[in-house]
Amino acid sequence: MVSGHSNGGIIAAYIAANGGQNVAGAVLEDPPVFSTEGEGWEESFAYLDTYKPLHDWNHSDKSECWESYYLRHCLWSQLYMPDTMPGLANYAQKQHEKHPDEAVQIGFMPASSWYVFEYAKEYDFNYGEHFYDLSWNHGLTHKEILSAINVPCVYIHAKESVHESGTCMCAATREQAERAVSYIGSNCRLIETEDSDHAIHTVHSELYIDAVNSLLSK
């Protein structure tokens, strides 16, 4: 069994399509199908919140740390915390300067809002650049990958969410998810969560486990 979340869902799809008898089934957990090959990419949350700021920081003088730059420029701060975020960004920069070899921590905020900084020290920014310029797919189309899957699959989709600004706040729209499932064919079942939280395996763990178990039973 192979399972992948987000970008890993596309990797899981590729393994399912090319793994031969080594793969018995796949769970594709909210993969960014079609958007990460250019379809509505520059209007997506992932592009505006992460990959555009990452690209801009990567090509800046890096006078402030990535964590501070991200907080200052990420989309969710502009949408929901425009007055608060500059102060948090300044705090993050001071934390970085005090402890340059440690992950930035903002102890007075919930860990869920800054836990990703734990991985910033190990993150390969070239990986992000390949998503920014859409070269990550190496010339393969998502349609080609999905259409080549012959093993049983479950596609778990986080419910579609679009901000009033027009930004797609989810990894894939409902139409994109349905199209992905149609390319896989009758071997694939689509499940949609009741909200748009992307981390399905943590927020909707029972649904995720049920999806895995449904394939094991086959």
C-alpha atoms as a PDB file:
ATOM      1  CA  MET A   1       0.000   0.000   0.000  1.00  0.00           C
ATOM      2  CA  VAL A   2       1.250   3.481  -0.813  1.00  0.00           C
ATOM      3  CA  SER A   3      -0.091   6.726   0.578  1.00  0.00           C
ATOM      4  CA  GLY A   4       0.961  10.322   0.135  1.00  0.00           C
ATOM      5  CA  HIS A   5      -0.213  13.689   1.432  1.00  0.00           C
ATOM      6  CA  SER A   6      -0.274  16.925  -0.602  1.00  0.00           C
ATOM      7  CA  ASN A   7       2.708  16.919  -2.995  1.00  0.00           C
ATOM      8  CA  GLY A   8       3.381  13.420  -1.691  1.00  0.00           C
ATOM      9  CA  GLY A   9       0.001  12.428  -3.082  1.00  0.00           C
ATOM     10  CA  ILE A  10       1.286  13.044  -6.580  1.00  0.00           C
ATOM     11  CA  ILE A  11       4.383  10.994  -5.767  1.00  0.00           C
ATOM     12  CA  ALA A  12       2.123   8.215  -4.461  1.00  0.00           C
ATOM     13  CA  ALA A  13       0.131   8.381  -7.696  1.00  0.00           C
ATOM     14  CA  TYR A  14       3.348   8.049  -9.705  1.00  0.00           C
ATOM     15  CA  ILE A  15       4.431   5.040  -7.631  1.00  0.00           C
ATOM     16  CA  ALA A  16       0.987   3.473  -8.005  1.00  0.00           C
ATOM     17  CA  ALA A  17       1.181   3.960 -11.774  1.00  0.00           C
ATOM     18  CA  ASN A  18       4.705   2.612 -12.146  1.00  0.00           C
ATOM     19  CA  GLY A  19       5.249   0.255  -9.217  1.00  0.00           C
ATOM     20  CA  GLY A  20       3.926  -2.837 -10.941  1.00  0.00           C
ATOM     21  CA  GLN A  21       3.209  -5.806  -8.668  1.00  0.00           C
ATOM     22  CA  ASN A  22       4.925  -4.045  -5.770  1.00  0.00           C
ATOM     23  CA  VAL A  23       1.859  -1.842  -5.274  1.00  0.00           C
ATOM     24  CA  ALA A  24      -1.551  -3.224  -4.272  1.00  0.00           C
ATOM     25  CA  GLY A  25      -3.370   0.067  -3.728  1.00  0.00           C
ATOM     26  CA  ALA A  26      -2.972   3.792  -3.074  1.00  0.00           C
ATOM     27  CA  VAL A  27      -4.457   6.513  -0.889  1.00  0.00           C
ATOM     28  CA  LEU A  28      -4.054   9.953  -2.457  1.00  0.00           C
ATOM     29  CA  GLU A  29      -4.506  12.486   0.332  1.00  0.00           C
ATOM     30  CA  ASP A  30      -5.497  15.902  -1.037  1.00  0.00           C
ATOM     31  CA  PRO A  31      -2.873  16.152  -3.792  1.00  0.00           C
ATOM     32  CA  PRO A  32      -2.557  19.477  -5.665  1.00  0.00           C
ATOM     33  CA  VAL A  33      -3.612  17.900  -8.966  1.00  0.00           C
ATOM     34  CA  PHE A  34      -3.445  20.118 -12.045  1.00  0.00           C
ATOM     35  CA  SER A  35      -2.726  23.305 -10.072  1.00  0.00           C
ATOM     36  CA  THR A  36       0.955  22.407  -9.646  1.00  0.00           C
ATOM     37  CA  GLU A  37       1.286  21.993 -13.373  1.00  0.00           C
ATOM     38  CA  GLY A  38      -0.054  25.502 -13.972  1.00  0.00           C
ATOM     39  CA  GLU A  39      -3.854  25.354 -13.863  1.00  0.00           C
ATOM     40  CA  GLY A  40      -4.836  28.377 -11.775  1.00  0.00           C
ATOM     41  CA  TRP A  41      -1.442  28.162 -10.084  1.00  0.00           C
ATOM     42  CA  GLU A  42      -0.794  31.874  -9.598  1.00  0.00           C
ATOM     43  CA  GLU A  43      -4.224  32.321  -7.994  1.00  0.00           C
ATOM     44  CA  SER A  44      -3.764  29.422  -5.586  1.00  0.00           C
ATOM     45  CA  PHE A  45      -3.092  29.649  -1.858  1.00  0.00           C
ATOM     46  CA  ALA A  46       0.028  27.477  -2.117  1.00  0.00           C
ATOM     47  CA  TYR A  47       1.604  29.781  -4.701  1.00  0.00           C
ATOM     48  CA  LEU A  48       0.690  33.056  -3.019  1.00  0.00           C
ATOM     49  CA  ASP A  49       1.317  31.924   0.549  1.00  0.00           C
ATOM     50  CA  THR A  50       4.454  29.807   0.179  1.00  0.00           C
ATOM     51  CA  TYR A  51       6.154  29.460  -3.168  1.00  0.00           C
ATOM     52  CA  LYS A  52       6.037  33.083  -4.328  1.00  0.00           C
ATOM     53  CA  PRO A  53       7.419  34.396  -0.987  1.00  0.00           C
ATOM     54  CA  LEU A  54       9.996  31.582  -0.988  1.00  0.00           C
ATOM     55  CA  HIS A  55      11.153  32.513  -4.482  1.00  0.00           C
ATOM     56  CA  ASP A  56      11.307  36.209  -3.642  1.00  0.00           C
ATOM     57  CA  TRP A  57      13.293  35.570  -0.438  1.00  0.00           C
ATOM     58  CA  ASN A  58      15.628  33.205  -2.258  1.00  0.00           C
ATOM     59  CA  HIS A  59      16.472  36.024  -4.672  1.00  0.00           C
ATOM     60  CA  SER A  60      16.687  38.759  -2.046  1.00  0.00           C
ATOM     61  CA  ASP A  61      19.689  39.958  -0.061  1.00  0.00           C
ATOM     62  CA  LYS A  62      18.411  37.744   2.797  1.00  0.00           C
ATOM     63  CA  SER A  63      18.818  40.560   5.291  1.00  0.00           C
ATOM     64  CA  GLU A  64      16.142  38.876   7.387  1.00  0.00           C
ATOM     65  CA  CYS A  65      15.686  35.195   8.065  1.00  0.00           C
ATOM     66  CA  TRP A  66      13.232  33.142   6.057  1.00  0.00           C
ATOM     67  CA  GLU A  67      10.853  32.768   8.989  1.00  0.00           C
ATOM     68  CA  SER A  68      10.601  36.531   9.454  1.00  0.00           C
ATOM     69  CA  TYR A  69      10.265  37.146   5.719  1.00  0.00           C
ATOM     70  CA  TYR A  70       7.551  34.521   5.438  1.00  0.00           C
ATOM     71  CA  LEU A  71       5.497  35.971   8.281  1.00  0.00           C
ATOM     72  CA  ARG A  72       5.761  39.400   6.712  1.00  0.00           C
ATOM     73  CA  HIS A  73       4.727  38.280   3.219  1.00  0.00           C
ATOM     74  CA  CYS A  74       2.618  35.113   3.493  1.00  0.00           C
ATOM     75  CA  LEU A  75      -0.948  35.261   2.241  1.00  0.00           C
ATOM     76  CA  TRP A  76      -2.723  34.157   5.400  1.00  0.00           C
ATOM     77  CA  SER A  77      -1.139  37.007   7.346  1.00  0.00           C
ATOM     78  CA  GLN A  78      -2.302  39.508   4.738  1.00  0.00           C
ATOM     79  CA  LEU A  79      -5.819  38.094   4.765  1.00  0.00           C
ATOM     80  CA  TYR A  80      -6.322  37.549   8.481  1.00  0.00           C
ATOM     81  CA  MET A  81      -3.619  39.318  10.548  1.00  0.00           C
ATOM     82  CA  PRO A  82      -2.366  42.332   8.567  1.00  0.00           C
ATOM     83  CA  ASP A  83      -1.919  44.559  11.618  1.00  0.00           C
ATOM     84  CA  THR A  84      -0.350  41.929  13.874  1.00  0.00           C
ATOM     85  CA  MET A  85       2.032  40.151  11.526  1.00  0.00           C
ATOM     86  CA  PRO A  86       4.759  42.827  11.141  1.00  0.00           C
ATOM     87  CA  GLY A  87       5.337  42.688  14.899  1.00  0.00           C
ATOM     88  CA  LEU A  88       5.479  38.890  14.841  1.00  0.00           C
ATOM     89  CA  ALA A  89       7.923  39.019  11.942  1.00  0.00           C
ATOM     90  CA  ASN A  90      10.167  41.379  13.911  1.00  0.00           C
ATOM     91  CA  TYR A  91       9.954  39.045  16.919  1.00  0.00           C
ATOM     92  CA  ALA A  92      10.901  36.054  14.761  1.00  0.00           C
ATOM     93  CA  GLN A  93      13.940  37.938  13.429  1.00  0.00           C
ATOM     94  CA  LYS A  94      15.107  38.737  16.965  1.00  0.00           C
ATOM     95  CA  GLN A  95      14.667  35.095  17.965  1.00  0.00           C
ATOM     96  CA  HIS A  96      16.726  34.029  14.979  1.00  0.00           C
ATOM     97  CA  GLU A  97      19.496  36.474  15.822  1.00  0.00           C
ATOM     98  CA  LYS A  98      19.597  35.255  19.427  1.00  0.00           C
ATOM     99  CA  HIS A  99      19.593  31.566  18.458  1.00  0.00           C
ATOM    100  CA  PRO A 100      20.794  31.352  14.824  1.00  0.00           C
ATOM    101  CA  ASP A 101      21.296  27.583  14.922  1.00  0.00           C
ATOM    102  CA  GLU A 102      17.881  26.778  16.374  1.00  0.00           C
ATOM    103  CA  ALA A 103      14.378  26.753  14.946  1.00  0.00           C
ATOM    104  CA  VAL A 104      12.466  29.971  15.463  1.00  0.00           C
ATOM    105  CA  GLN A 105       9.868  29.593  18.195  1.00  0.00           C
ATOM    106  CA  ILE A 106       7.012  31.949  19.009  1.00  0.00           C
ATOM    107  CA  GLY A 107       6.104  30.613  22.413  1.00  0.00           C
ATOM    108  CA  PHE A 108       3.126  32.857  23.073  1.00  0.00           C
ATOM    109  CA  MET A 109       1.314  31.510  19.998  1.00  0.00           C
ATOM    110  CA  PRO A 110      -0.122  27.994  19.463  1.00  0.00           C
ATOM    111  CA  ALA A 111       2.565  25.636  18.212  1.00  0.00           C
ATOM    112  CA  SER A 112       0.294  24.750  15.279  1.00  0.00           C
ATOM    113  CA  SER A 113       0.945  28.214  13.839  1.00  0.00           C
ATOM    114  CA  TRP A 114       4.738  28.006  13.780  1.00  0.00           C
ATOM    115  CA  TYR A 115       5.649  24.287  13.998  1.00  0.00           C
ATOM    116  CA  VAL A 116       6.726  24.280  10.337  1.00  0.00           C
ATOM    117  CA  PHE A 117       9.688  26.431  11.349  1.00  0.00           C
ATOM    118  CA  GLU A 118      11.091  23.293  13.000  1.00  0.00           C
ATOM    119  CA  TYR A 119      11.831  22.022   9.496  1.00  0.00           C
ATOM    120  CA  ALA A 120      13.131  25.251   7.969  1.00  0.00           C
ATOM    121  CA  LYS A 121      16.746  24.415   8.814  1.00  0.00           C
ATOM    122  CA  GLU A 122      16.569  21.229   6.761  1.00  0.00           C
ATOM    123  CA  TYR A 123      14.344  22.476   3.956  1.00  0.00           C
ATOM    124  CA  ASP A 124      15.839  22.421   0.453  1.00  0.00           C
ATOM    125  CA  PHE A 125      14.787  25.735  -1.051  1.00  0.00           C
ATOM    126  CA  ASN A 126      15.560  24.403  -4.522  1.00  0.00           C
ATOM    127  CA  TYR A 127      12.625  22.041  -3.991  1.00  0.00           C
ATOM    128  CA  GLY A 128      10.396  25.070  -3.538  1.00  0.00           C
ATOM    129  CA  GLU A 129      11.858  26.753  -6.590  1.00  0.00           C
ATOM    130  CA  HIS A 130      10.849  23.768  -8.722  1.00  0.00           C
ATOM    131  CA  PHE A 131       7.273  24.225  -7.564  1.00  0.00           C
ATOM    132  CA  TYR A 132       7.421  27.964  -8.166  1.00  0.00           C
ATOM    133  CA  ASP A 133       8.444  27.494 -11.806  1.00  0.00           C
ATOM    134  CA  LEU A 134       6.414  24.262 -12.279  1.00  0.00           C
ATOM    135  CA  SER A 135       9.475  22.241 -13.297  1.00  0.00           C
ATOM    136  CA  TRP A 136       8.873  19.712 -10.495  1.00  0.00           C
ATOM    137  CA  ASN A 137       6.761  17.551 -12.815  1.00  0.00           C
ATOM    138  CA  HIS A 138       9.745  16.834 -15.084  1.00  0.00           C
ATOM    139  CA  GLY A 139       7.560  17.040 -18.176  1.00  0.00           C
ATOM    140  CA  LEU A 140       5.015  14.489 -16.975  1.00  0.00           C
ATOM    141  CA  THR A 141       1.379  15.530 -16.920  1.00  0.00           C
ATOM    142  CA  HIS A 142      -0.905  14.634 -14.049  1.00  0.00           C
ATOM    143  CA  LYS A 143      -3.345  13.176 -16.555  1.00  0.00           C
ATOM    144  CA  GLU A 144      -0.661  10.758 -17.784  1.00  0.00           C
ATOM    145  CA  ILE A 145       0.227   9.688 -14.253  1.00  0.00           C
ATOM    146  CA  LEU A 146      -3.349   9.223 -13.060  1.00  0.00           C
ATOM    147  CA  SER A 147      -4.495   7.434 -16.220  1.00  0.00           C
ATOM    148  CA  ALA A 148      -1.738   4.841 -15.778  1.00  0.00           C
ATOM    149  CA  ILE A 149      -2.965   3.723 -12.334  1.00  0.00           C
ATOM    150  CA  ASN A 150      -4.600   0.311 -12.387  1.00  0.00           C
ATOM    151  CA  VAL A 151      -4.629  -0.556  -8.691  1.00  0.00           C
ATOM    152  CA  PRO A 152      -7.502   0.293  -6.307  1.00  0.00           C
ATOM    153  CA  CYS A 153      -7.318   3.874  -5.041  1.00  0.00           C
ATOM    154  CA  VAL A 154      -9.010   6.216  -2.631  1.00  0.00           C
ATOM    155  CA  TYR A 155      -8.730   9.937  -3.323  1.00  0.00           C
ATOM    156  CA  ILE A 156      -9.420  11.979  -0.179  1.00  0.00           C
ATOM    157  CA  HIS A 157     -10.301  15.573  -1.000  1.00  0.00           C
ATOM    158  CA  ALA A 158     -10.439  18.451   1.471  1.00  0.00           C
ATOM    159  CA  LYS A 159     -13.659  20.345   0.837  1.00  0.00           C
ATOM    160  CA  GLU A 160     -13.264  23.159  -1.670  1.00  0.00           C
ATOM    161  CA  SER A 161     -12.765  26.637  -0.235  1.00  0.00           C
ATOM    162  CA  VAL A 162     -12.447  29.878  -2.190  1.00  0.00           C
ATOM    163  CA  HIS A 163     -11.722  33.210  -0.490  1.00  0.00           C
ATOM    164  CA  GLU A 164     -13.812  36.236  -1.390  1.00  0.00           C
ATOM    165  CA  SER A 165     -10.721  37.586  -3.172  1.00  0.00           C
ATOM    166  CA  GLY A 166     -10.974  34.655  -5.591  1.00  0.00           C
ATOM    167  CA  THR A 167      -7.972  32.783  -4.190  1.00  0.00           C
ATOM    168  CA  CYS A 168      -8.414  29.020  -4.114  1.00  0.00           C
ATOM    169  CA  MET A 169      -7.614  28.134  -0.509  1.00  0.00           C
ATOM    170  CA  CYS A 170      -7.442  24.379  -1.088  1.00  0.00           C
ATOM    171  CA  ALA A 171      -5.013  22.049  -2.835  1.00  0.00           C
ATOM    172  CA  ALA A 172      -7.534  21.204  -5.548  1.00  0.00           C
ATOM    173  CA  THR A 173     -11.046  22.283  -6.436  1.00  0.00           C
ATOM    174  CA  ARG A 174     -13.885  19.787  -6.368  1.00  0.00           C
ATOM    175  CA  GLU A 175     -13.867  19.751 -10.178  1.00  0.00           C
ATOM    176  CA  GLN A 176     -10.137  19.011 -10.261  1.00  0.00           C
ATOM    177  CA  ALA A 177     -10.562  16.189  -7.752  1.00  0.00           C
ATOM    178  CA  GLU A 178     -13.423  14.678  -9.742  1.00  0.00           C
ATOM    179  CA  ARG A 179     -11.393  14.955 -12.931  1.00  0.00           C
ATOM    180  CA  ALA A 180      -8.436  13.208 -11.295  1.00  0.00           C
ATOM    181  CA  VAL A 181     -10.681  10.356 -10.171  1.00  0.00           C
ATOM    182  CA  SER A 182     -12.185  10.072 -13.654  1.00  0.00           C
ATOM    183  CA  TYR A 183      -8.700   9.595 -15.135  1.00  0.00           C
ATOM    184  CA  ILE A 184      -7.969   6.772 -12.694  1.00  0.00           C
ATOM    185  CA  GLY A 185     -11.315   5.207 -13.495  1.00  0.00           C
ATOM    186  CA  SER A 186     -13.649   2.820 -11.710  1.00  0.00           C
ATOM    187  CA  ASN A 187     -10.815   1.596  -9.471  1.00  0.00           C
ATOM    188  CA  CYS A 188     -10.861   4.916  -7.612  1.00  0.00           C
ATOM    189  CA  ARG A 189     -13.276   6.175  -4.963  1.00  0.00           C
ATOM    190  CA  LEU A 190     -13.565   9.870  -4.045  1.00  0.00           C
ATOM    191  CA  ILE A 191     -14.109  10.877  -0.419  1.00  0.00           C
ATOM    192  CA  GLU A 192     -14.558  14.532   0.567  1.00  0.00           C
ATOM    193  CA  THR A 193     -14.087  15.924   4.077  1.00  0.00           C
ATOM    194  CA  GLU A 194     -16.590  18.221   5.749  1.00  0.00           C
ATOM    195  CA  ASP A 195     -14.175  21.164   5.776  1.00  0.00           C
ATOM    196  CA  SER A 196     -11.130  22.386   3.900  1.00  0.00           C
ATOM    197  CA  ASP A 197      -8.382  21.434   6.353  1.00  0.00           C
ATOM    198  CA  HIS A 198      -5.508  20.091   4.269  1.00  0.00           C
ATOM    199  CA  ALA A 199      -3.943  17.833   6.932  1.00  0.00           C
ATOM    200  CA  ILE A 200      -6.596  15.140   6.649  1.00  0.00           C
ATOM    201  CA  HIS A 201      -4.579  12.380   8.360  1.00  0.00           C
ATOM    202  CA  THR A 202      -4.429  14.453  11.576  1.00  0.00           C
ATOM    203  CA  VAL A 203      -7.655  16.461  11.535  1.00  0.00           C
ATOM    204  CA  HIS A 204      -9.789  13.620  10.150  1.00  0.00           C
ATOM    205  CA  SER A 205      -7.680  10.670  11.273  1.00  0.00           C
ATOM    206  CA  GLU A 206     -10.569   8.208  11.464  1.00  0.00           C
ATOM    207  CA  LEU A 207     -11.639   8.997   7.914  1.00  0.00           C
ATOM    208  CA  TYR A 208      -8.048   8.541   6.748  1.00  0.00           C
ATOM    209  CA  ILE A 209      -7.613   5.223   8.555  1.00  0.00           C
ATOM    210  CA  ASP A 210     -10.932   3.979   7.204  1.00  0.00           C
ATOM    211  CA  ALA A 211      -9.758   4.831   3.685  1.00  0.00           C
ATOM    212  CA  VAL A 212      -6.569   2.808   4.159  1.00  0.00           C
ATOM    213  CA  ASN A 213      -8.458  -0.106   5.697  1.00  0.00           C
ATOM    214  CA  SER A 214     -10.972  -0.146   2.860  1.00  0.00           C
ATOM    215  CA  LEU A 215      -8.143  -0.905   0.451  1.00  0.00           C
ATOM    216  CA  LEU A 216      -6.494  -3.469   2.722  1.00  0.00           C
ATOM    217  CA  SER A 217      -9.740  -5.424   2.716  1.00  0.00           C
ATOM    218  CA  LYS A 218      -9.398  -5.818  -1.050  1.00  0.00           C
END
